Amino acid sequence: MVIQYSGGKIIVTPFEIVVKENSTSMVTMQASSDAVTLIGNGANVITANTGEVKWSIKLDSQHQLQEVAQQIGCEIR
């Protein structure tokens, strides 16, 4: 599933998340679904922590976060 947001797009499968930024530097971030935490309550943030690599991204809406949660089978905190 591809989810568009103001900064680019998020490609979500049951096993991983790939974030592709629409910037001149063409940043791409990837994480397995096991390493992802979804933060709701108005924050609408995806965080990934694999020990040595950490990243987070703020989404535009709660709906986008819910779509990610449904695809990877993860609860929103």
C-alpha atoms as a PDB file:
ATOM      1  CA  MET A   1       0.000   0.000   0.000  1.00  0.00           C
ATOM      2  CA  VAL A   2       1.226   3.507  -0.816  1.00  0.00           C
ATOM      3  CA  ILE A   3       0.218   6.388   1.456  1.00  0.00           C
ATOM      4  CA  GLN A   4       0.861   9.919   0.243  1.00  0.00           C
ATOM      5  CA  TYR A   5       1.676  12.654   2.765  1.00  0.00           C
ATOM      6  CA  SER A   6       2.896  16.224   2.453  1.00  0.00           C
ATOM      7  CA  GLY A   7       6.576  15.233   2.650  1.00  0.00           C
ATOM      8  CA  GLY A   8       6.478  12.355   0.190  1.00  0.00           C
ATOM      9  CA  LYS A   9       5.121   8.827   0.295  1.00  0.00           C
ATOM     10  CA  ILE A  10       5.124   5.813   2.572  1.00  0.00           C
ATOM     11  CA  ILE A  11       5.187   2.311   1.133  1.00  0.00           C
ATOM     12  CA  VAL A  12       3.791  -0.162   3.655  1.00  0.00           C
ATOM     13  CA  THR A  13       3.734  -3.959   3.586  1.00  0.00           C
ATOM     14  CA  PRO A  14       3.036  -6.339   6.480  1.00  0.00           C
ATOM     15  CA  PHE A  15       6.820  -6.746   6.859  1.00  0.00           C
ATOM     16  CA  GLU A  16       8.342  -3.292   6.300  1.00  0.00           C
ATOM     17  CA  ILE A  17       7.857   0.444   5.896  1.00  0.00           C
ATOM     18  CA  VAL A  18       9.720   2.543   3.327  1.00  0.00           C
ATOM     19  CA  VAL A  19       9.508   6.341   3.497  1.00  0.00           C
ATOM     20  CA  LYS A  20      10.518   8.329   0.423  1.00  0.00           C
ATOM     21  CA  GLU A  21      10.862  12.070   0.943  1.00  0.00           C
ATOM     22  CA  ASN A  22      10.042  14.555  -1.820  1.00  0.00           C
ATOM     23  CA  SER A  23      13.166  16.633  -1.344  1.00  0.00           C
ATOM     24  CA  THR A  24      16.172  17.498  -3.443  1.00  0.00           C
ATOM     25  CA  SER A  25      18.281  15.127  -1.339  1.00  0.00           C
ATOM     26  CA  MET A  26      15.865  12.229  -2.093  1.00  0.00           C
ATOM     27  CA  VAL A  27      15.973  10.708   1.402  1.00  0.00           C
ATOM     28  CA  THR A  28      14.726   7.120   1.734  1.00  0.00           C
ATOM     29  CA  MET A  29      14.226   5.456   5.127  1.00  0.00           C
ATOM     30  CA  GLN A  30      13.352   1.805   5.634  1.00  0.00           C
ATOM     31  CA  ALA A  31      12.513  -0.325   8.667  1.00  0.00           C
ATOM     32  CA  SER A  32      11.076  -3.740   9.386  1.00  0.00           C
ATOM     33  CA  SER A  33       7.612  -3.622  10.913  1.00  0.00           C
ATOM     34  CA  ASP A  34       9.018  -5.136  14.134  1.00  0.00           C
ATOM     35  CA  ALA A  35      11.199  -2.050  14.659  1.00  0.00           C
ATOM     36  CA  VAL A  36       8.353   0.465  14.213  1.00  0.00           C
ATOM     37  CA  THR A  37       6.354   2.307  16.874  1.00  0.00           C
ATOM     38  CA  LEU A  38       3.269   4.339  15.978  1.00  0.00           C
ATOM     39  CA  ILE A  39       2.483   7.321  18.201  1.00  0.00           C
ATOM     40  CA  GLY A  40      -1.029   8.789  18.053  1.00  0.00           C
ATOM     41  CA  ASN A  41      -2.897  11.253  20.313  1.00  0.00           C
ATOM     42  CA  GLY A  42      -2.433  14.067  17.823  1.00  0.00           C
ATOM     43  CA  ALA A  43       1.294  13.457  17.327  1.00  0.00           C
ATOM     44  CA  ASN A  44       0.794  11.117  14.334  1.00  0.00           C
ATOM     45  CA  VAL A  45       4.414   9.935  14.317  1.00  0.00           C
ATOM     46  CA  ILE A  46       6.102   6.818  12.992  1.00  0.00           C
ATOM     47  CA  THR A  47       9.338   5.986  14.789  1.00  0.00           C
ATOM     48  CA  ALA A  48      11.848   3.287  13.942  1.00  0.00           C
ATOM     49  CA  ASN A  49      14.530   2.082  16.327  1.00  0.00           C
ATOM     50  CA  THR A  50      16.753  -0.775  15.293  1.00  0.00           C
ATOM     51  CA  GLY A  51      19.431  -0.098  17.883  1.00  0.00           C
ATOM     52  CA  GLU A  52      22.049   1.563  15.729  1.00  0.00           C
ATOM     53  CA  VAL A  53      19.646   3.454  13.471  1.00  0.00           C
ATOM     54  CA  LYS A  54      16.786   5.652  14.678  1.00  0.00           C
ATOM     55  CA  TRP A  55      14.400   7.825  12.699  1.00  0.00           C
ATOM     56  CA  SER A  56      10.956   9.347  13.020  1.00  0.00           C
ATOM     57  CA  ILE A  57       8.513  11.084  10.737  1.00  0.00           C
ATOM     58  CA  LYS A  58       5.382  13.127  11.416  1.00  0.00           C
ATOM     59  CA  LEU A  59       2.347  12.347   9.277  1.00  0.00           C
ATOM     60  CA  ASP A  60      -0.377  14.775   8.260  1.00  0.00           C
ATOM     61  CA  SER A  61      -3.312  13.031   9.934  1.00  0.00           C
ATOM     62  CA  GLN A  62      -4.485  10.317  12.306  1.00  0.00           C
ATOM     63  CA  HIS A  63      -6.104   8.588   9.326  1.00  0.00           C
ATOM     64  CA  GLN A  64      -2.701   8.058   7.681  1.00  0.00           C
ATOM     65  CA  LEU A  65      -1.347   6.588  10.915  1.00  0.00           C
ATOM     66  CA  GLN A  66      -4.342   4.247  11.134  1.00  0.00           C
ATOM     67  CA  GLU A  67      -3.709   3.031   7.582  1.00  0.00           C
ATOM     68  CA  VAL A  68      -0.108   2.201   8.493  1.00  0.00           C
ATOM     69  CA  ALA A  69      -1.261   0.409  11.664  1.00  0.00           C
ATOM     70  CA  GLN A  70      -3.710  -1.731   9.712  1.00  0.00           C
ATOM     71  CA  GLN A  71      -1.117  -2.749   7.136  1.00  0.00           C
ATOM     72  CA  ILE A  72       1.625  -3.766   9.593  1.00  0.00           C
ATOM     73  CA  GLY A  73      -0.673  -5.054  12.334  1.00  0.00           C
ATOM     74  CA  CYS A  74       0.680  -2.694  14.977  1.00  0.00           C
ATOM     75  CA  GLU A  75      -1.203  -0.825  17.702  1.00  0.00           C
ATOM     76  CA  ILE A  76      -1.089   2.958  17.945  1.00  0.00           C
ATOM     77  CA  ARG A  77       0.238   4.195  21.275  1.00  0.00           C
END
